Structure formats: structure tokens, C-alpha cells
Amino acid sequence: MYVCLAGCRQGFLDGCRPVIGLDGCHVKGPYPGQILTAVGVDGNNGSFPIAYAVVEIESKQSWIWFLRLLIEDLKITSGLSYVFISDKQKGLIPAIETLLPTVEHRMCVRHLHNNFRSAHSGVALKHILWAAARATTMP
């Protein structure tokens, strides 16, 4: 099931930055599955819901299905004007490379830190990682 409410779609197109965060989470209980989400970034750096889908499993095929519908709803013709942010979800990276080969795709620092801290614990390295992530460069 894919859901992209018209108000959310139009709100994203009219007032949000061209940044889309993608993530998935498990659904537990009597009806297990996965929820795939797409959120934007509004003018106050807040999260803005765009679309979500409920799928049986998280895979390259389910991400391709979700992204195709999202691309159609947002009328994305070229990935050159968008940035996608995600963690290293199963199948997500190849799905983005398949559908939007020119899009800028970045990894979420919070998820990178969770992977990083298993081998490099300590507050000092955490602060260095976040300082590097926030650093800017002149073009």
C-alpha cells in the first residue's frame, strides 16, 4: 500500500527544500511487514512527511516500487536538483542508483555513528565525527 496525500505532496513542492530522507522500519504484531517513508525538510529544518508505503519485506524491488511512485508523484524528471539522505538500508542504495543515477545520495550521520561506535567507542571520536559532518567547504 502506497500513500502520498495531495496536501503533503503540494506542501513539499511549494515550501520545502529539495532534500528527501528515506527510511524503513519494522511493523510488529499480528500483521508484520515494513513501513517505507519519505520525508522532506521544511524551511525551519523540520521534518515534513511526503509519502509512506507498507510492504511485506524490505528489498531492492520494494524500494524500486516505492521510489517509482514517489518520483511520479513529485514529478522528478532529473535527480540533479534533489538530495536523498538514507542509511544503508537493504536494497535502497541499488534502487536509487537504478532509478536516479544522477541524484546526490548521502548517508545519515546518526546511522553512520551507530555503526561507527561499535568499533570506536568514546565521546571524543563521536565529537570529531559530528564536527567533520558539519564542516563546510568553499566551492
N, C-alpha and C. Protein backbone atom coordinates (compact mmCIF):
# COMPACT_ATOMS: atom_id res chain seq x y z
N MET A 1 0.84 -1.17 0.00
CA MET A 1 0.00 0.00 0.00
C MET A 1 0.89 1.24 0.00
N TYR A 2 0.66 2.14 -0.91
CA TYR A 2 1.41 3.40 -1.03
C TYR A 2 0.47 4.56 -0.74
N VAL A 3 0.93 5.52 0.09
CA VAL A 3 0.12 6.68 0.42
C VAL A 3 0.94 7.95 0.25
N CYS A 4 0.43 8.87 -0.57
CA CYS A 4 1.01 10.20 -0.72
C CYS A 4 -0.16 11.17 -0.81
N LEU A 5 -0.47 11.78 0.32
CA LEU A 5 -1.60 12.69 0.37
C LEU A 5 -1.32 13.95 -0.47
N ALA A 6 -2.33 14.43 -1.15
CA ALA A 6 -2.17 15.59 -2.04
C ALA A 6 -1.64 16.80 -1.29
N GLY A 7 -2.12 17.04 -0.08
CA GLY A 7 -1.66 18.17 0.71
C GLY A 7 -0.18 18.06 1.08
N CYS A 8 0.25 16.85 1.40
CA CYS A 8 1.67 16.64 1.73
C CYS A 8 2.54 16.82 0.49
N ARG A 9 2.08 16.27 -0.63
CA ARG A 9 2.84 16.41 -1.88
C ARG A 9 2.97 17.88 -2.26
N GLN A 10 1.86 18.60 -2.24
CA GLN A 10 1.89 20.01 -2.64
C GLN A 10 2.66 20.86 -1.65
N GLY A 11 2.53 20.56 -0.37
CA GLY A 11 3.29 21.28 0.65
C GLY A 11 4.78 21.11 0.46
N PHE A 12 5.20 19.88 0.13
CA PHE A 12 6.62 19.65 -0.13
C PHE A 12 7.08 20.43 -1.36
N LEU A 13 6.32 20.34 -2.44
CA LEU A 13 6.71 21.02 -3.68
C LEU A 13 6.71 22.54 -3.54
N ASP A 14 5.80 23.08 -2.74
CA ASP A 14 5.68 24.53 -2.62
C ASP A 14 6.61 25.15 -1.58
N GLY A 15 6.94 24.42 -0.53
CA GLY A 15 7.63 25.09 0.56
C GLY A 15 8.80 24.38 1.20
N CYS A 16 9.22 23.26 0.65
CA CYS A 16 10.32 22.53 1.28
C CYS A 16 11.57 22.55 0.43
N ARG A 17 12.67 22.27 1.08
CA ARG A 17 13.95 22.18 0.37
C ARG A 17 13.97 20.90 -0.45
N PRO A 18 14.80 20.82 -1.49
CA PRO A 18 14.84 19.61 -2.32
C PRO A 18 15.69 18.50 -1.67
N VAL A 19 15.37 18.21 -0.43
CA VAL A 19 16.07 17.17 0.33
C VAL A 19 15.02 16.16 0.77
N ILE A 20 15.26 14.89 0.47
CA ILE A 20 14.31 13.83 0.83
C ILE A 20 15.03 12.77 1.64
N GLY A 21 14.51 12.51 2.82
CA GLY A 21 15.04 11.45 3.66
C GLY A 21 14.23 10.19 3.47
N LEU A 22 14.91 9.07 3.31
CA LEU A 22 14.25 7.78 3.11
C LEU A 22 14.63 6.85 4.26
N ASP A 23 13.65 6.12 4.76
CA ASP A 23 13.93 5.19 5.84
C ASP A 23 12.86 4.10 5.85
N GLY A 24 13.15 3.05 6.54
CA GLY A 24 12.22 1.94 6.70
C GLY A 24 12.22 1.49 8.14
N CYS A 25 11.11 0.92 8.58
CA CYS A 25 11.04 0.38 9.93
C CYS A 25 10.15 -0.85 9.94
N HIS A 26 10.36 -1.70 10.93
CA HIS A 26 9.60 -2.94 11.07
C HIS A 26 8.24 -2.68 11.68
N VAL A 27 7.25 -3.42 11.24
CA VAL A 27 5.94 -3.42 11.84
C VAL A 27 5.79 -4.76 12.56
N LYS A 28 5.52 -4.69 13.85
CA LYS A 28 5.39 -5.92 14.63
C LYS A 28 3.94 -6.11 15.02
N GLY A 29 3.60 -7.28 15.45
CA GLY A 29 2.24 -7.57 15.85
C GLY A 29 1.63 -8.63 14.95
N PRO A 30 0.31 -8.66 14.89
CA PRO A 30 -0.34 -9.73 14.10
C PRO A 30 -0.17 -9.57 12.59
N TYR A 31 0.18 -8.37 12.13
CA TYR A 31 0.35 -8.12 10.69
C TYR A 31 1.75 -7.56 10.44
N PRO A 32 2.77 -8.40 10.46
CA PRO A 32 4.14 -7.89 10.31
C PRO A 32 4.42 -7.40 8.89
N GLY A 33 5.42 -6.57 8.78
CA GLY A 33 5.84 -6.04 7.50
C GLY A 33 6.84 -4.92 7.70
N GLN A 34 6.93 -4.04 6.73
CA GLN A 34 7.85 -2.91 6.78
C GLN A 34 7.08 -1.64 6.36
N ILE A 35 7.45 -0.52 6.95
CA ILE A 35 6.94 0.77 6.50
C ILE A 35 8.11 1.53 5.90
N LEU A 36 7.97 1.94 4.64
CA LEU A 36 8.97 2.75 3.96
C LEU A 36 8.46 4.18 3.97
N THR A 37 9.33 5.13 4.30
CA THR A 37 8.89 6.52 4.41
C THR A 37 9.79 7.46 3.60
N ALA A 38 9.19 8.56 3.19
CA ALA A 38 9.91 9.66 2.54
C ALA A 38 9.50 10.93 3.27
N VAL A 39 10.48 11.66 3.79
CA VAL A 39 10.21 12.92 4.48
C VAL A 39 11.07 14.01 3.87
N GLY A 40 10.54 15.22 3.88
CA GLY A 40 11.26 16.37 3.38
C GLY A 40 11.77 17.23 4.52
N VAL A 41 12.45 18.31 4.18
CA VAL A 41 12.96 19.26 5.15
C VAL A 41 12.30 20.60 4.86
N ASP A 42 11.54 21.12 5.85
CA ASP A 42 10.86 22.39 5.64
C ASP A 42 11.79 23.57 5.91
N GLY A 43 11.28 24.77 5.80
CA GLY A 43 12.08 25.99 5.95
C GLY A 43 12.66 26.18 7.34
N ASN A 44 12.12 25.51 8.35
CA ASN A 44 12.63 25.60 9.72
C ASN A 44 13.48 24.39 10.09
N ASN A 45 13.98 23.66 9.09
CA ASN A 45 14.75 22.43 9.29
C ASN A 45 13.97 21.35 10.02
N GLY A 46 12.67 21.38 9.89
CA GLY A 46 11.81 20.36 10.48
C GLY A 46 11.49 19.27 9.47
N SER A 47 11.02 18.15 9.97
CA SER A 47 10.61 17.05 9.11
C SER A 47 9.23 17.32 8.52
N PHE A 48 9.07 17.00 7.25
CA PHE A 48 7.81 17.21 6.56
C PHE A 48 7.44 15.90 5.85
N PRO A 49 6.36 15.23 6.27
CA PRO A 49 6.01 13.94 5.67
C PRO A 49 5.59 14.11 4.21
N ILE A 50 6.11 13.22 3.37
CA ILE A 50 5.76 13.25 1.95
C ILE A 50 4.92 12.03 1.59
N ALA A 51 5.46 10.84 1.86
CA ALA A 51 4.77 9.61 1.47
C ALA A 51 5.25 8.45 2.34
N TYR A 52 4.43 7.41 2.36
CA TYR A 52 4.85 6.17 3.03
C TYR A 52 4.21 4.98 2.32
N ALA A 53 4.76 3.83 2.57
CA ALA A 53 4.23 2.59 1.99
C ALA A 53 4.40 1.47 2.98
N VAL A 54 3.48 0.53 2.92
CA VAL A 54 3.58 -0.68 3.72
C VAL A 54 3.88 -1.81 2.76
N VAL A 55 4.97 -2.53 3.03
CA VAL A 55 5.40 -3.63 2.17
C VAL A 55 5.65 -4.87 3.02
N GLU A 56 5.70 -6.03 2.37
CA GLU A 56 5.93 -7.27 3.11
C GLU A 56 7.35 -7.35 3.63
N ILE A 57 8.32 -7.09 2.74
CA ILE A 57 9.73 -7.14 3.13
C ILE A 57 10.45 -5.95 2.52
N GLU A 58 11.55 -5.60 3.14
CA GLU A 58 12.38 -4.52 2.62
C GLU A 58 13.41 -5.14 1.68
N SER A 59 13.31 -4.77 0.43
CA SER A 59 14.21 -5.33 -0.58
C SER A 59 14.42 -4.30 -1.68
N LYS A 60 15.30 -4.62 -2.59
CA LYS A 60 15.54 -3.72 -3.72
C LYS A 60 14.25 -3.51 -4.52
N GLN A 61 13.48 -4.58 -4.73
CA GLN A 61 12.25 -4.48 -5.51
C GLN A 61 11.21 -3.59 -4.80
N SER A 62 11.08 -3.73 -3.48
CA SER A 62 10.10 -2.90 -2.78
C SER A 62 10.53 -1.43 -2.77
N TRP A 63 11.84 -1.15 -2.64
CA TRP A 63 12.31 0.23 -2.70
C TRP A 63 12.12 0.81 -4.11
N ILE A 64 12.37 0.02 -5.14
CA ILE A 64 12.16 0.50 -6.51
C ILE A 64 10.70 0.83 -6.73
N TRP A 65 9.79 -0.03 -6.27
CA TRP A 65 8.36 0.22 -6.39
C TRP A 65 7.98 1.52 -5.69
N PHE A 66 8.45 1.70 -4.45
CA PHE A 66 8.15 2.90 -3.67
C PHE A 66 8.71 4.15 -4.34
N LEU A 67 9.97 4.09 -4.76
CA LEU A 67 10.62 5.25 -5.38
C LEU A 67 9.99 5.62 -6.72
N ARG A 68 9.57 4.64 -7.50
CA ARG A 68 8.91 4.94 -8.78
C ARG A 68 7.63 5.75 -8.54
N LEU A 69 6.85 5.34 -7.56
CA LEU A 69 5.62 6.07 -7.25
C LEU A 69 5.93 7.47 -6.71
N LEU A 70 6.95 7.57 -5.87
CA LEU A 70 7.36 8.87 -5.31
C LEU A 70 7.85 9.80 -6.41
N ILE A 71 8.67 9.29 -7.31
CA ILE A 71 9.19 10.09 -8.43
C ILE A 71 8.04 10.58 -9.31
N GLU A 72 7.07 9.73 -9.54
CA GLU A 72 5.91 10.12 -10.35
C GLU A 72 5.08 11.19 -9.63
N ASP A 73 4.84 11.00 -8.34
CA ASP A 73 4.04 11.98 -7.58
C ASP A 73 4.73 13.34 -7.50
N LEU A 74 6.04 13.36 -7.32
CA LEU A 74 6.77 14.62 -7.18
C LEU A 74 7.22 15.18 -8.52
N LYS A 75 6.93 14.45 -9.59
CA LYS A 75 7.30 14.86 -10.95
C LYS A 75 8.80 15.14 -11.07
N ILE A 76 9.59 14.23 -10.53
CA ILE A 76 11.05 14.34 -10.61
C ILE A 76 11.48 13.83 -11.97
N THR A 77 12.02 14.72 -12.78
CA THR A 77 12.48 14.33 -14.12
C THR A 77 13.98 14.10 -14.15
N SER A 78 14.68 14.80 -13.28
CA SER A 78 16.13 14.66 -13.20
C SER A 78 16.52 14.71 -11.72
N GLY A 79 17.40 13.82 -11.33
CA GLY A 79 17.84 13.81 -9.95
C GLY A 79 18.82 14.91 -9.62
N LEU A 80 19.19 15.72 -10.61
CA LEU A 80 20.23 16.74 -10.40
C LEU A 80 19.82 17.81 -9.39
N SER A 81 18.52 18.00 -9.19
CA SER A 81 18.10 19.07 -8.29
C SER A 81 17.68 18.55 -6.92
N TYR A 82 17.87 17.28 -6.62
CA TYR A 82 17.47 16.70 -5.34
C TYR A 82 18.64 16.05 -4.63
N VAL A 83 18.50 15.97 -3.31
CA VAL A 83 19.44 15.24 -2.46
C VAL A 83 18.63 14.22 -1.68
N PHE A 84 19.05 12.98 -1.71
CA PHE A 84 18.42 11.92 -0.93
C PHE A 84 19.35 11.53 0.21
N ILE A 85 18.77 11.39 1.40
CA ILE A 85 19.53 11.00 2.58
C ILE A 85 18.93 9.71 3.11
N SER A 86 19.79 8.75 3.43
CA SER A 86 19.30 7.48 3.95
C SER A 86 20.39 6.82 4.78
N ASP A 87 20.03 5.71 5.40
CA ASP A 87 21.05 4.87 5.97
C ASP A 87 21.34 3.79 4.93
N LYS A 88 22.05 2.79 5.31
CA LYS A 88 22.42 1.75 4.34
C LYS A 88 21.39 0.64 4.35
N GLN A 89 20.14 1.00 4.09
CA GLN A 89 19.03 0.06 4.09
C GLN A 89 19.23 -1.00 3.01
N LYS A 90 18.75 -2.17 3.31
CA LYS A 90 18.86 -3.29 2.38
C LYS A 90 18.13 -2.96 1.07
N GLY A 91 18.86 -2.91 -0.02
CA GLY A 91 18.28 -2.68 -1.33
C GLY A 91 18.07 -1.23 -1.70
N LEU A 92 18.20 -0.30 -0.76
CA LEU A 92 17.89 1.10 -1.06
C LEU A 92 18.95 1.74 -1.95
N ILE A 93 20.21 1.52 -1.66
CA ILE A 93 21.27 2.14 -2.46
C ILE A 93 21.20 1.68 -3.93
N PRO A 94 21.09 0.37 -4.21
CA PRO A 94 20.96 -0.01 -5.63
C PRO A 94 19.66 0.49 -6.28
N ALA A 95 18.59 0.62 -5.50
CA ALA A 95 17.33 1.14 -6.07
C ALA A 95 17.50 2.58 -6.50
N ILE A 96 18.14 3.39 -5.67
CA ILE A 96 18.38 4.80 -6.04
C ILE A 96 19.30 4.88 -7.25
N GLU A 97 20.35 4.06 -7.26
CA GLU A 97 21.27 4.08 -8.40
C GLU A 97 20.58 3.66 -9.68
N THR A 98 19.59 2.77 -9.59
CA THR A 98 18.86 2.31 -10.77
C THR A 98 17.93 3.38 -11.31
N LEU A 99 17.15 4.02 -10.42
CA LEU A 99 16.12 4.95 -10.87
C LEU A 99 16.62 6.38 -11.04
N LEU A 100 17.55 6.81 -10.19
CA LEU A 100 18.05 8.19 -10.23
C LEU A 100 19.58 8.19 -10.18
N PRO A 101 20.23 7.79 -11.25
CA PRO A 101 21.69 7.67 -11.21
C PRO A 101 22.43 8.99 -11.02
N THR A 102 21.77 10.12 -11.31
CA THR A 102 22.45 11.41 -11.19
C THR A 102 22.15 12.12 -9.87
N VAL A 103 21.30 11.55 -9.03
CA VAL A 103 20.92 12.21 -7.79
C VAL A 103 22.08 12.18 -6.80
N GLU A 104 22.14 13.21 -5.97
CA GLU A 104 23.13 13.22 -4.89
C GLU A 104 22.54 12.41 -3.74
N HIS A 105 23.26 11.37 -3.34
CA HIS A 105 22.78 10.47 -2.28
C HIS A 105 23.80 10.47 -1.15
N ARG A 106 23.33 10.84 0.04
CA ARG A 106 24.19 10.93 1.23
C ARG A 106 23.67 10.00 2.31
N MET A 107 24.57 9.63 3.20
CA MET A 107 24.21 8.76 4.32
C MET A 107 23.93 9.60 5.56
N CYS A 108 22.98 9.17 6.35
CA CYS A 108 22.60 9.82 7.59
C CYS A 108 23.72 9.66 8.61
N VAL A 109 24.18 10.76 9.19
CA VAL A 109 25.32 10.73 10.13
C VAL A 109 24.95 9.97 11.40
N ARG A 110 23.71 10.09 11.83
CA ARG A 110 23.31 9.38 13.05
C ARG A 110 23.44 7.87 12.86
N HIS A 111 23.02 7.37 11.69
CA HIS A 111 23.16 5.95 11.42
C HIS A 111 24.63 5.56 11.24
N LEU A 112 25.41 6.43 10.61
CA LEU A 112 26.84 6.15 10.47
C LEU A 112 27.50 6.08 11.84
N HIS A 113 27.09 6.98 12.75
CA HIS A 113 27.66 6.97 14.10
C HIS A 113 27.30 5.68 14.84
N ASN A 114 26.08 5.19 14.67
CA ASN A 114 25.71 3.93 15.31
C ASN A 114 26.59 2.79 14.83
N ASN A 115 26.92 2.75 13.55
CA ASN A 115 27.83 1.72 13.03
C ASN A 115 29.27 1.98 13.49
N PHE A 116 29.64 3.25 13.54
CA PHE A 116 30.99 3.67 13.89
C PHE A 116 31.32 3.34 15.35
N ARG A 117 30.36 3.53 16.25
CA ARG A 117 30.64 3.38 17.67
C ARG A 117 30.83 1.94 18.11
N SER A 118 30.40 0.97 17.29
CA SER A 118 30.64 -0.42 17.67
C SER A 118 32.13 -0.75 17.66
N ALA A 119 32.88 -0.12 16.77
CA ALA A 119 34.32 -0.34 16.72
C ALA A 119 35.12 0.78 17.38
N HIS A 120 34.53 1.98 17.47
CA HIS A 120 35.23 3.15 18.00
C HIS A 120 34.36 3.85 19.04
N SER A 121 34.37 3.31 20.25
CA SER A 121 33.54 3.93 21.29
C SER A 121 34.27 5.13 21.89
N GLY A 122 33.53 5.94 22.57
CA GLY A 122 34.12 7.10 23.22
C GLY A 122 33.53 8.40 22.71
N VAL A 123 33.48 9.36 23.60
CA VAL A 123 32.87 10.65 23.29
C VAL A 123 33.76 11.48 22.37
N ALA A 124 35.08 11.37 22.53
CA ALA A 124 36.00 12.19 21.72
C ALA A 124 35.83 11.91 20.23
N LEU A 125 35.79 10.63 19.85
CA LEU A 125 35.63 10.29 18.43
C LEU A 125 34.23 10.66 17.92
N LYS A 126 33.24 10.57 18.80
CA LYS A 126 31.88 10.99 18.42
C LYS A 126 31.87 12.46 18.06
N HIS A 127 32.51 13.30 18.87
CA HIS A 127 32.55 14.74 18.60
C HIS A 127 33.33 15.05 17.32
N ILE A 128 34.39 14.32 17.07
CA ILE A 128 35.17 14.51 15.84
C ILE A 128 34.33 14.15 14.61
N LEU A 129 33.59 13.03 14.69
CA LEU A 129 32.74 12.61 13.58
C LEU A 129 31.69 13.68 13.27
N TRP A 130 31.01 14.18 14.31
CA TRP A 130 29.97 15.18 14.09
C TRP A 130 30.57 16.51 13.62
N ALA A 131 31.75 16.86 14.09
CA ALA A 131 32.40 18.09 13.62
C ALA A 131 32.73 17.97 12.13
N ALA A 132 33.20 16.80 11.73
CA ALA A 132 33.51 16.59 10.31
C ALA A 132 32.24 16.64 9.46
N ALA A 133 31.15 16.10 9.98
CA ALA A 133 29.90 16.09 9.24
C ALA A 133 29.34 17.50 9.07
N ARG A 134 29.56 18.36 10.05
CA ARG A 134 29.03 19.73 10.00
C ARG A 134 29.96 20.70 9.26
N ALA A 135 31.17 20.27 8.97
CA ALA A 135 32.15 21.16 8.33
C ALA A 135 31.69 21.52 6.92
N THR A 136 31.95 22.75 6.53
CA THR A 136 31.62 23.19 5.18
C THR A 136 32.91 23.52 4.44
N THR A 137 32.83 23.51 3.14
CA THR A 137 33.98 23.87 2.33
C THR A 137 33.55 24.92 1.32
N MET A 138 34.47 25.73 0.92
CA MET A 138 34.19 26.72 -0.12
C MET A 138 34.25 26.03 -1.48
N PRO A 139 33.31 26.33 -2.37
CA PRO A 139 33.33 25.67 -3.69
C PRO A 139 34.55 26.09 -4.51
